[in-house]
Structure formats: C-alpha cells, structure tokens
Amino acid sequence: MNKENDCITYVCTVCKVKEDIPREAVEYFDEMDQSNINEPPCFSCEACGGIMRPQNYKGVYGKTYTY
C-alpha cells in the first residue's frame, strides 16, 4: 500500500466507533509528543467525545500499540 494513502484504524474506548486516520497525521502527533512514548497518539471521538486509540499501530519510535 502506498504510504501516503495509508491509514491507521482508531477505535473509541466509549462507543466503539471506528475511524481511519491518515498515517501521516498519526505519525506527526507521535513525533510531536515525545513526553510519553508509552502512550500512542490519541484523538477525541466525534460521535461521543470519548478517547480514540489505535487498533494496531507501530509508532515512530518502534513501539507497537494495540487496542
């Protein structure tokens, strides 16, 4: 798959809705927040306001996150 079109599937921890977020955006936030590499980049759910976590994402620092 072309990296520019690649997406990471995120799942809301509250309502379980899924959303594909472009890998480029996820990696940008991953690089910007170096304060805690044990936590993946998280987003707010547009449906309910809950926390969205990546279903499966290998971070820019080599750590794999699975929800």
PDB file of N, CA and C in Angstrom:
ATOM      1  N   MET A   1       0.849  -1.182   0.000  1.00  0.00           N
ATOM      2  CA  MET A   1       0.000   0.000   0.000  1.00  0.00           C
ATOM      3  C   MET A   1       0.890   1.239   0.000  1.00  0.00           C
ATOM      4  N   ASN A   2       0.483   2.257  -0.707  1.00  0.00           N
ATOM      5  CA  ASN A   2       1.213   3.500  -0.807  1.00  0.00           C
ATOM      6  C   ASN A   2       1.166   4.209   0.548  1.00  0.00           C
ATOM      7  N   LYS A   3       2.323   4.591   1.095  1.00  0.00           N
ATOM      8  CA  LYS A   3       2.365   5.168   2.432  1.00  0.00           C
ATOM      9  C   LYS A   3       1.532   6.451   2.537  1.00  0.00           C
ATOM     10  N   GLU A   4       1.463   7.243   1.476  1.00  0.00           N
ATOM     11  CA  GLU A   4       0.695   8.488   1.517  1.00  0.00           C
ATOM     12  C   GLU A   4      -0.801   8.218   1.717  1.00  0.00           C
ATOM     13  N   ASN A   5      -1.294   7.091   1.234  1.00  0.00           N
ATOM     14  CA  ASN A   5      -2.713   6.758   1.339  1.00  0.00           C
ATOM     15  C   ASN A   5      -3.007   5.820   2.504  1.00  0.00           C
ATOM     16  N   ASP A   6      -1.990   5.458   3.265  1.00  0.00           N
ATOM     17  CA  ASP A   6      -2.128   4.519   4.364  1.00  0.00           C
ATOM     18  C   ASP A   6      -2.838   5.181   5.546  1.00  0.00           C
ATOM     19  N   CYS A   7      -3.725   4.430   6.185  1.00  0.00           N
ATOM     20  CA  CYS A   7      -4.457   4.947   7.346  1.00  0.00           C
ATOM     21  C   CYS A   7      -4.300   4.001   8.532  1.00  0.00           C
ATOM     22  N   ILE A   8      -4.466   4.553   9.716  1.00  0.00           N
ATOM     23  CA  ILE A   8      -4.468   3.785  10.953  1.00  0.00           C
ATOM     24  C   ILE A   8      -5.909   3.766  11.450  1.00  0.00           C
ATOM     25  N   THR A   9      -6.421   2.583  11.777  1.00  0.00           N
ATOM     26  CA  THR A   9      -7.785   2.476  12.298  1.00  0.00           C
ATOM     27  C   THR A   9      -7.767   2.773  13.788  1.00  0.00           C
ATOM     28  N   TYR A  10      -8.597   3.723  14.178  1.00  0.00           N
ATOM     29  CA  TYR A  10      -8.758   4.096  15.581  1.00  0.00           C
ATOM     30  C   TYR A  10     -10.112   3.629  16.061  1.00  0.00           C
ATOM     31  N   VAL A  11     -10.196   3.235  17.351  1.00  0.00           N
ATOM     32  CA  VAL A  11     -11.437   2.750  17.953  1.00  0.00           C
ATOM     33  C   VAL A  11     -11.731   3.592  19.193  1.00  0.00           C
ATOM     34  N   CYS A  12     -12.976   4.046  19.319  1.00  0.00           N
ATOM     35  CA  CYS A  12     -13.373   4.809  20.503  1.00  0.00           C
ATOM     36  C   CYS A  12     -13.487   3.862  21.695  1.00  0.00           C
ATOM     37  N   THR A  13     -12.896   4.253  22.817  1.00  0.00           N
ATOM     38  CA  THR A  13     -12.932   3.425  24.021  1.00  0.00           C
ATOM     39  C   THR A  13     -14.314   3.446  24.686  1.00  0.00           C
ATOM     40  N   VAL A  14     -15.176   4.386  24.269  1.00  0.00           N
ATOM     41  CA  VAL A  14     -16.506   4.503  24.871  1.00  0.00           C
ATOM     42  C   VAL A  14     -17.577   3.863  23.986  1.00  0.00           C
ATOM     43  N   CYS A  15     -17.748   4.395  22.769  1.00  0.00           N
ATOM     44  CA  CYS A  15     -18.853   3.922  21.914  1.00  0.00           C
ATOM     45  C   CYS A  15     -18.407   2.904  20.862  1.00  0.00           C
ATOM     46  N   LYS A  16     -17.113   2.627  20.777  1.00  0.00           N
ATOM     47  CA  LYS A  16     -16.527   1.603  19.891  1.00  0.00           C
ATOM     48  C   LYS A  16     -16.594   1.934  18.408  1.00  0.00           C
ATOM     49  N   VAL A  17     -16.966   3.183  18.049  1.00  0.00           N
ATOM     50  CA  VAL A  17     -16.971   3.575  16.644  1.00  0.00           C
ATOM     51  C   VAL A  17     -15.531   3.530  16.130  1.00  0.00           C
ATOM     52  N   LYS A  18     -15.369   3.192  14.849  1.00  0.00           N
ATOM     53  CA  LYS A  18     -14.038   3.118  14.244  1.00  0.00           C
ATOM     54  C   LYS A  18     -13.871   4.249  13.241  1.00  0.00           C
ATOM     55  N   GLU A  19     -12.649   4.750  13.147  1.00  0.00           N
ATOM     56  CA  GLU A  19     -12.346   5.819  12.197  1.00  0.00           C
ATOM     57  C   GLU A  19     -10.932   5.607  11.676  1.00  0.00           C
ATOM     58  N   ASP A  20     -10.764   5.765  10.373  1.00  0.00           N
ATOM     59  CA  ASP A  20      -9.442   5.673   9.771  1.00  0.00           C
ATOM     60  C   ASP A  20      -8.813   7.062   9.743  1.00  0.00           C
ATOM     61  N   ILE A  21      -7.632   7.172  10.334  1.00  0.00           N
ATOM     62  CA  ILE A  21      -6.909   8.439  10.381  1.00  0.00           C
ATOM     63  C   ILE A  21      -5.637   8.264   9.560  1.00  0.00           C
ATOM     64  N   PRO A  22      -5.344   9.213   8.668  1.00  0.00           N
ATOM     65  CA  PRO A  22      -4.141   9.081   7.831  1.00  0.00           C
ATOM     66  C   PRO A  22      -2.873   8.875   8.661  1.00  0.00           C
ATOM     67  N   ARG A  23      -2.072   7.897   8.247  1.00  0.00           N
ATOM     68  CA  ARG A  23      -0.834   7.572   8.950  1.00  0.00           C
ATOM     69  C   ARG A  23       0.044   8.813   9.120  1.00  0.00           C
ATOM     70  N   GLU A  24       0.071   9.660   8.104  1.00  0.00           N
ATOM     71  CA  GLU A  24       0.895  10.864   8.154  1.00  0.00           C
ATOM     72  C   GLU A  24       0.514  11.742   9.355  1.00  0.00           C
ATOM     73  N   ALA A  25      -0.774  11.894   9.619  1.00  0.00           N
ATOM     74  CA  ALA A  25      -1.246  12.699  10.751  1.00  0.00           C
ATOM     75  C   ALA A  25      -0.896  12.031  12.076  1.00  0.00           C
ATOM     76  N   VAL A  26      -1.094  10.722  12.157  1.00  0.00           N
ATOM     77  CA  VAL A  26      -0.800   9.986  13.390  1.00  0.00           C
ATOM     78  C   VAL A  26       0.696  10.080  13.705  1.00  0.00           C
ATOM     79  N   GLU A  27       1.529   9.879  12.697  1.00  0.00           N
ATOM     80  CA  GLU A  27       2.982   9.947  12.909  1.00  0.00           C
ATOM     81  C   GLU A  27       3.424  11.354  13.292  1.00  0.00           C
ATOM     82  N   TYR A  28       2.767  12.370  12.736  1.00  0.00           N
ATOM     83  CA  TYR A  28       3.091  13.751  13.101  1.00  0.00           C
ATOM     84  C   TYR A  28       2.862  13.967  14.603  1.00  0.00           C
ATOM     85  N   PHE A  29       1.682  13.568  15.109  1.00  0.00           N
ATOM     86  CA  PHE A  29       1.389  13.735  16.523  1.00  0.00           C
ATOM     87  C   PHE A  29       2.285  12.858  17.389  1.00  0.00           C
ATOM     88  N   ASP A  30       2.644  11.685  16.888  1.00  0.00           N
ATOM     89  CA  ASP A  30       3.548  10.786  17.612  1.00  0.00           C
ATOM     90  C   ASP A  30       4.911  11.449  17.788  1.00  0.00           C
ATOM     91  N   GLU A  31       5.419  12.072  16.742  1.00  0.00           N
ATOM     92  CA  GLU A  31       6.725  12.747  16.804  1.00  0.00           C
ATOM     93  C   GLU A  31       6.684  13.992  17.692  1.00  0.00           C
ATOM     94  N   MET A  32       5.570  14.718  17.663  1.00  0.00           N
ATOM     95  CA  MET A  32       5.462  15.966  18.425  1.00  0.00           C
ATOM     96  C   MET A  32       5.370  15.721  19.930  1.00  0.00           C
ATOM     97  N   ASP A  33       4.756  14.617  20.342  1.00  0.00           N
ATOM     98  CA  ASP A  33       4.583  14.327  21.768  1.00  0.00           C
ATOM     99  C   ASP A  33       5.592  13.275  22.208  1.00  0.00           C
ATOM    100  N   GLN A  34       6.785  13.725  22.521  1.00  0.00           N
ATOM    101  CA  GLN A  34       7.841  12.805  22.948  1.00  0.00           C
ATOM    102  C   GLN A  34       7.863  12.627  24.463  1.00  0.00           C
ATOM    103  N   SER A  35       6.938  13.273  25.162  1.00  0.00           N
ATOM    104  CA  SER A  35       6.952  13.246  26.621  1.00  0.00           C
ATOM    105  C   SER A  35       6.605  11.865  27.190  1.00  0.00           C
ATOM    106  N   ASN A  36       5.807  11.086  26.455  1.00  0.00           N
ATOM    107  CA  ASN A  36       5.431   9.765  26.949  1.00  0.00           C
ATOM    108  C   ASN A  36       5.270   8.810  25.770  1.00  0.00           C
ATOM    109  N   ILE A  37       6.358   8.111  25.428  1.00  0.00           N
ATOM    110  CA  ILE A  37       6.290   7.202  24.284  1.00  0.00           C
ATOM    111  C   ILE A  37       5.540   5.913  24.618  1.00  0.00           C
ATOM    112  N   ASN A  38       5.145   5.729  25.895  1.00  0.00           N
ATOM    113  CA  ASN A  38       4.371   4.550  26.261  1.00  0.00           C
ATOM    114  C   ASN A  38       2.901   4.696  25.907  1.00  0.00           C
ATOM    115  N   GLU A  39       2.475   5.907  25.556  1.00  0.00           N
ATOM    116  CA  GLU A  39       1.094   6.166  25.152  1.00  0.00           C
ATOM    117  C   GLU A  39       1.058   6.518  23.670  1.00  0.00           C
ATOM    118  N   PRO A  40       0.149   5.908  22.917  1.00  0.00           N
ATOM    119  CA  PRO A  40       0.038   6.241  21.496  1.00  0.00           C
ATOM    120  C   PRO A  40      -0.643   7.598  21.314  1.00  0.00           C
ATOM    121  N   PRO A  41      -0.538   8.177  20.122  1.00  0.00           N
ATOM    122  CA  PRO A  41      -1.307   9.393  19.866  1.00  0.00           C
ATOM    123  C   PRO A  41      -2.792   9.062  19.953  1.00  0.00           C
ATOM    124  N   CYS A  42      -3.545   9.863  20.696  1.00  0.00           N
ATOM    125  CA  CYS A  42      -4.976   9.626  20.872  1.00  0.00           C
ATOM    126  C   CYS A  42      -5.751  10.825  20.346  1.00  0.00           C
ATOM    127  N   PHE A  43      -6.981  10.573  19.949  1.00  0.00           N
ATOM    128  CA  PHE A  43      -7.849  11.608  19.407  1.00  0.00           C
ATOM    129  C   PHE A  43      -9.191  11.544  20.112  1.00  0.00           C
ATOM    130  N   SER A  44      -9.980  12.606  19.971  1.00  0.00           N
ATOM    131  CA  SER A  44     -11.336  12.635  20.535  1.00  0.00           C
ATOM    132  C   SER A  44     -12.321  12.073  19.522  1.00  0.00           C
ATOM    133  N   CYS A  45     -13.253  11.278  20.012  1.00  0.00           N
ATOM    134  CA  CYS A  45     -14.298  10.700  19.167  1.00  0.00           C
ATOM    135  C   CYS A  45     -15.287  11.789  18.780  1.00  0.00           C
ATOM    136  N   GLU A  46     -15.539  11.921  17.496  1.00  0.00           N
ATOM    137  CA  GLU A  46     -16.502  12.922  17.026  1.00  0.00           C
ATOM    138  C   GLU A  46     -17.933  12.517  17.359  1.00  0.00           C
ATOM    139  N   ALA A  47     -18.179  11.227  17.565  1.00  0.00           N
ATOM    140  CA  ALA A  47     -19.539  10.749  17.849  1.00  0.00           C
ATOM    141  C   ALA A  47     -19.946  10.985  19.302  1.00  0.00           C
ATOM    142  N   CYS A  48     -19.026  10.726  20.254  1.00  0.00           N
ATOM    143  CA  CYS A  48     -19.421  10.812  21.664  1.00  0.00           C
ATOM    144  C   CYS A  48     -18.463  11.605  22.543  1.00  0.00           C
ATOM    145  N   GLY A  49     -17.295  11.990  22.007  1.00  0.00           N
ATOM    146  CA  GLY A  49     -16.328  12.746  22.798  1.00  0.00           C
ATOM    147  C   GLY A  49     -15.359  11.871  23.581  1.00  0.00           C
ATOM    148  N   GLY A  50     -15.489  10.557  23.446  1.00  0.00           N
ATOM    149  CA  GLY A  50     -14.586   9.639  24.142  1.00  0.00           C
ATOM    150  C   GLY A  50     -13.183   9.669  23.549  1.00  0.00           C
ATOM    151  N   ILE A  51     -12.309   8.857  24.102  1.00  0.00           N
ATOM    152  CA  ILE A  51     -10.926   8.774  23.634  1.00  0.00           C
ATOM    153  C   ILE A  51     -10.813   7.698  22.568  1.00  0.00           C
ATOM    154  N   MET A  52     -10.181   8.046  21.458  1.00  0.00           N
ATOM    155  CA  MET A  52      -9.944   7.074  20.392  1.00  0.00           C
ATOM    156  C   MET A  52      -8.497   6.616  20.464  1.00  0.00           C
ATOM    157  N   ARG A  53      -8.319   5.299  20.431  1.00  0.00           N
ATOM    158  CA  ARG A  53      -6.979   4.703  20.483  1.00  0.00           C
ATOM    159  C   ARG A  53      -6.759   3.867  19.222  1.00  0.00           C
ATOM    160  N   PRO A  54      -5.501   3.750  18.801  1.00  0.00           N
ATOM    161  CA  PRO A  54      -5.233   2.975  17.586  1.00  0.00           C
ATOM    162  C   PRO A  54      -5.499   1.493  17.803  1.00  0.00           C
ATOM    163  N   GLN A  55      -6.136   0.869  16.818  1.00  0.00           N
ATOM    164  CA  GLN A  55      -6.410  -0.565  16.893  1.00  0.00           C
ATOM    165  C   GLN A  55      -5.092  -1.337  16.838  1.00  0.00           C
ATOM    166  N   ASN A  56      -4.199  -0.910  15.954  1.00  0.00           N
ATOM    167  CA  ASN A  56      -2.874  -1.525  15.844  1.00  0.00           C
ATOM    168  C   ASN A  56      -1.967  -0.539  15.133  1.00  0.00           C
ATOM    169  N   TYR A  57      -0.948  -0.054  15.833  1.00  0.00           N
ATOM    170  CA  TYR A  57      -0.075   0.972  15.270  1.00  0.00           C
ATOM    171  C   TYR A  57       1.338   0.796  15.788  1.00  0.00           C
ATOM    172  N   LYS A  58       2.309   0.743  14.871  1.00  0.00           N
ATOM    173  CA  LYS A  58       3.714   0.710  15.255  1.00  0.00           C
ATOM    174  C   LYS A  58       4.216   2.146  15.190  1.00  0.00           C
ATOM    175  N   GLY A  59       4.538   2.709  16.347  1.00  0.00           N
ATOM    176  CA  GLY A  59       4.922   4.111  16.465  1.00  0.00           C
ATOM    177  C   GLY A  59       6.255   4.432  15.815  1.00  0.00           C
ATOM    178  N   VAL A  60       6.503   5.729  15.699  1.00  0.00           N
ATOM    179  CA  VAL A  60       7.729   6.196  15.052  1.00  0.00           C
ATOM    180  C   VAL A  60       8.970   5.835  15.860  1.00  0.00           C
ATOM    181  N   TYR A  61       8.797   5.500  17.148  1.00  0.00           N
ATOM    182  CA  TYR A  61       9.931   5.102  17.987  1.00  0.00           C
ATOM    183  C   TYR A  61      10.019   3.588  18.156  1.00  0.00           C
ATOM    184  N   GLY A  62       9.265   2.842  17.324  1.00  0.00           N
ATOM    185  CA  GLY A  62       9.366   1.388  17.301  1.00  0.00           C
ATOM    186  C   GLY A  62       8.446   0.646  18.252  1.00  0.00           C
ATOM    187  N   LYS A  63       7.678   1.348  19.057  1.00  0.00           N
ATOM    188  CA  LYS A  63       6.768   0.696  19.997  1.00  0.00           C
ATOM    189  C   LYS A  63       5.451   0.379  19.297  1.00  0.00           C
ATOM    190  N   THR A  64       4.909  -0.823  19.547  1.00  0.00           N
ATOM    191  CA  THR A  64       3.642  -1.217  18.949  1.00  0.00           C
ATOM    192  C   THR A  64       2.524  -1.039  19.972  1.00  0.00           C
ATOM    193  N   TYR A  65       1.445  -0.391  19.521  1.00  0.00           N
ATOM    194  CA  TYR A  65       0.273  -0.151  20.355  1.00  0.00           C
ATOM    195  C   TYR A  65      -0.898  -0.928  19.779  1.00  0.00           C
ATOM    196  N   THR A  66      -1.605  -1.662  20.634  1.00  0.00           N
ATOM    197  CA  THR A  66      -2.767  -2.436  20.201  1.00  0.00           C
ATOM    198  C   THR A  66      -3.900  -2.198  21.183  1.00  0.00           C
ATOM    199  N   TYR A  67      -5.087  -1.934  20.628  1.00  0.00           N
ATOM    200  CA  TYR A  67      -6.258  -1.764  21.485  1.00  0.00           C
ATOM    201  C   TYR A  67      -7.258  -2.840  21.165  1.00  0.00           C
TER     202      TYR A  67
END
